[in-house]
């Protein structure tokens, strides 16, 4: 069965249409003491040390690559061969 729509609710051609996502309904602010407890995660000291070591290793690798690029020794025939092989495989699906 089709829904009957009153003529007054049909938008006029060229009239702006409101987007319900533009003005979502606002929820009232709830004081922190009334909110349910949320999820929390805390990293151990070992995890923080691991992250710091990983960040240092990445920084060292990036510095080495930047130095090779500056020296003109980063692009080698072997690296270019790998790039060409991977590009060919991507293009041919093999």
C-alpha atoms as a PDB file:
ATOM      1  CA  UNK A   1       0.000   0.000   0.000  1.00  0.00           C
ATOM      2  CA  UNK A   2       1.321   3.447  -0.892  1.00  0.00           C
ATOM      3  CA  UNK A   3       1.693   6.248   1.579  1.00  0.00           C
ATOM      4  CA  UNK A   4      -0.420   9.312   0.917  1.00  0.00           C
ATOM      5  CA  UNK A   5       1.511  12.563   1.175  1.00  0.00           C
ATOM      6  CA  UNK A   6      -0.194  15.882   1.717  1.00  0.00           C
ATOM      7  CA  UNK A   7       0.519  18.439  -0.991  1.00  0.00           C
ATOM      8  CA  UNK A   8       1.895  20.859   1.588  1.00  0.00           C
ATOM      9  CA  UNK A   9       4.674  18.417   2.523  1.00  0.00           C
ATOM     10  CA  UNK A  10       5.950  17.982  -1.043  1.00  0.00           C
ATOM     11  CA  UNK A  11       8.971  20.214  -1.622  1.00  0.00           C
ATOM     12  CA  UNK A  12       8.692  22.884  -4.279  1.00  0.00           C
ATOM     13  CA  UNK A  13      11.054  22.502  -7.220  1.00  0.00           C
ATOM     14  CA  UNK A  14      14.176  24.573  -6.599  1.00  0.00           C
ATOM     15  CA  UNK A  15      13.480  24.972  -2.886  1.00  0.00           C
ATOM     16  CA  UNK A  16      16.421  24.099  -0.629  1.00  0.00           C
ATOM     17  CA  UNK A  17      16.228  20.666   0.945  1.00  0.00           C
ATOM     18  CA  UNK A  18      17.399  20.325   4.512  1.00  0.00           C
ATOM     19  CA  UNK A  19      19.910  17.617   5.253  1.00  0.00           C
ATOM     20  CA  UNK A  20      19.186  15.912   8.580  1.00  0.00           C
ATOM     21  CA  UNK A  21      22.898  15.173   8.989  1.00  0.00           C
ATOM     22  CA  UNK A  22      23.760  18.875   8.963  1.00  0.00           C
ATOM     23  CA  UNK A  23      21.944  19.527  12.220  1.00  0.00           C
ATOM     24  CA  UNK A  24      21.982  16.323  14.241  1.00  0.00           C
ATOM     25  CA  UNK A  25      19.941  16.336  17.430  1.00  0.00           C
ATOM     26  CA  UNK A  26      21.985  17.512  20.395  1.00  0.00           C
ATOM     27  CA  UNK A  27      22.172  15.330  23.464  1.00  0.00           C
ATOM     28  CA  UNK A  28      22.125  17.088  26.800  1.00  0.00           C
ATOM     29  CA  UNK A  29      25.486  17.219  28.556  1.00  0.00           C
ATOM     30  CA  UNK A  30      25.803  14.613  31.296  1.00  0.00           C
ATOM     31  CA  UNK A  31      28.042  15.435  34.270  1.00  0.00           C
ATOM     32  CA  UNK A  32      31.091  13.170  34.528  1.00  0.00           C
ATOM     33  CA  UNK A  33      29.982  11.659  37.825  1.00  0.00           C
ATOM     34  CA  UNK A  34      26.717  10.485  36.213  1.00  0.00           C
ATOM     35  CA  UNK A  35      28.317   8.887  33.146  1.00  0.00           C
ATOM     36  CA  UNK A  36      28.842   5.143  33.084  1.00  0.00           C
ATOM     37  CA  UNK A  37      32.488   4.093  33.351  1.00  0.00           C
ATOM     38  CA  UNK A  38      34.137   3.874  29.936  1.00  0.00           C
ATOM     39  CA  UNK A  39      36.810   1.596  28.586  1.00  0.00           C
ATOM     40  CA  UNK A  40      40.371   2.417  29.521  1.00  0.00           C
ATOM     41  CA  UNK A  41      43.733   1.092  28.491  1.00  0.00           C
ATOM     42  CA  UNK A  42      47.055   1.702  30.143  1.00  0.00           C
ATOM     43  CA  UNK A  43      50.375   0.732  28.621  1.00  0.00           C
ATOM     44  CA  UNK A  44      53.026  -0.830  30.775  1.00  0.00           C
ATOM     45  CA  UNK A  45      56.465   0.691  31.199  1.00  0.00           C
ATOM     46  CA  UNK A  46      57.836  -2.095  28.991  1.00  0.00           C
ATOM     47  CA  UNK A  47      55.410  -1.149  26.219  1.00  0.00           C
ATOM     48  CA  UNK A  48      56.469   2.487  26.473  1.00  0.00           C
ATOM     49  CA  UNK A  49      60.140   1.461  26.301  1.00  0.00           C
ATOM     50  CA  UNK A  50      59.421  -0.736  23.286  1.00  0.00           C
ATOM     51  CA  UNK A  51      57.649   2.137  21.520  1.00  0.00           C
ATOM     52  CA  UNK A  52      60.528   4.525  22.270  1.00  0.00           C
ATOM     53  CA  UNK A  53      63.077   1.993  20.942  1.00  0.00           C
ATOM     54  CA  UNK A  54      60.961   1.392  17.845  1.00  0.00           C
ATOM     55  CA  UNK A  55      60.642   5.131  17.217  1.00  0.00           C
ATOM     56  CA  UNK A  56      64.420   5.523  17.585  1.00  0.00           C
ATOM     57  CA  UNK A  57      65.045   2.656  15.150  1.00  0.00           C
ATOM     58  CA  UNK A  58      62.677   4.157  12.585  1.00  0.00           C
ATOM     59  CA  UNK A  59      64.330   7.561  12.964  1.00  0.00           C
ATOM     60  CA  UNK A  60      67.779   6.024  12.504  1.00  0.00           C
ATOM     61  CA  UNK A  61      66.627   4.157   9.377  1.00  0.00           C
ATOM     62  CA  UNK A  62      65.123   7.345   7.935  1.00  0.00           C
ATOM     63  CA  UNK A  63      68.337   9.265   8.651  1.00  0.00           C
ATOM     64  CA  UNK A  64      70.366   6.573   6.880  1.00  0.00           C
ATOM     65  CA  UNK A  65      68.068   6.675   3.837  1.00  0.00           C
ATOM     66  CA  UNK A  66      68.206  10.487   3.713  1.00  0.00           C
ATOM     67  CA  UNK A  67      72.022  10.340   3.829  1.00  0.00           C
ATOM     68  CA  UNK A  68      72.091   7.781   0.983  1.00  0.00           C
ATOM     69  CA  UNK A  69      69.758   9.943  -1.113  1.00  0.00           C
ATOM     70  CA  UNK A  70      71.946  13.003  -0.449  1.00  0.00           C
ATOM     71  CA  UNK A  71      75.071  11.027  -1.435  1.00  0.00           C
ATOM     72  CA  UNK A  72      73.396   9.674  -4.560  1.00  0.00           C
ATOM     73  CA  UNK A  73      73.901   6.078  -3.427  1.00  0.00           C
ATOM     74  CA  UNK A  74      70.312   5.165  -2.541  1.00  0.00           C
ATOM     75  CA  UNK A  75      69.109   4.078  -5.979  1.00  0.00           C
ATOM     76  CA  UNK A  76      71.110   1.062  -7.035  1.00  0.00           C
ATOM     77  CA  UNK A  77      70.547  -1.166 -10.074  1.00  0.00           C
ATOM     78  CA  UNK A  78      69.390  -3.934  -7.735  1.00  0.00           C
ATOM     79  CA  UNK A  79      66.749  -1.715  -6.133  1.00  0.00           C
ATOM     80  CA  UNK A  80      65.561  -0.501  -9.509  1.00  0.00           C
ATOM     81  CA  UNK A  81      65.251  -4.125 -10.671  1.00  0.00           C
ATOM     82  CA  UNK A  82      63.031  -4.896  -7.673  1.00  0.00           C
ATOM     83  CA  UNK A  83      60.868  -1.859  -8.430  1.00  0.00           C
ATOM     84  CA  UNK A  84      60.481  -2.853 -12.079  1.00  0.00           C
ATOM     85  CA  UNK A  85      59.632  -6.456 -11.151  1.00  0.00           C
ATOM     86  CA  UNK A  86      57.002  -5.368  -8.613  1.00  0.00           C
ATOM     87  CA  UNK A  87      55.489  -2.840 -11.001  1.00  0.00           C
ATOM     88  CA  UNK A  88      55.318  -5.438 -13.768  1.00  0.00           C
ATOM     89  CA  UNK A  89      53.678  -7.941 -11.418  1.00  0.00           C
ATOM     90  CA  UNK A  90      51.144  -5.313 -10.328  1.00  0.00           C
ATOM     91  CA  UNK A  91      50.295  -4.353 -13.886  1.00  0.00           C
ATOM     92  CA  UNK A  92      50.023  -7.904 -15.209  1.00  0.00           C
ATOM     93  CA  UNK A  93      48.448  -9.464 -12.106  1.00  0.00           C
ATOM     94  CA  UNK A  94      51.156 -12.096 -11.784  1.00  0.00           C
END
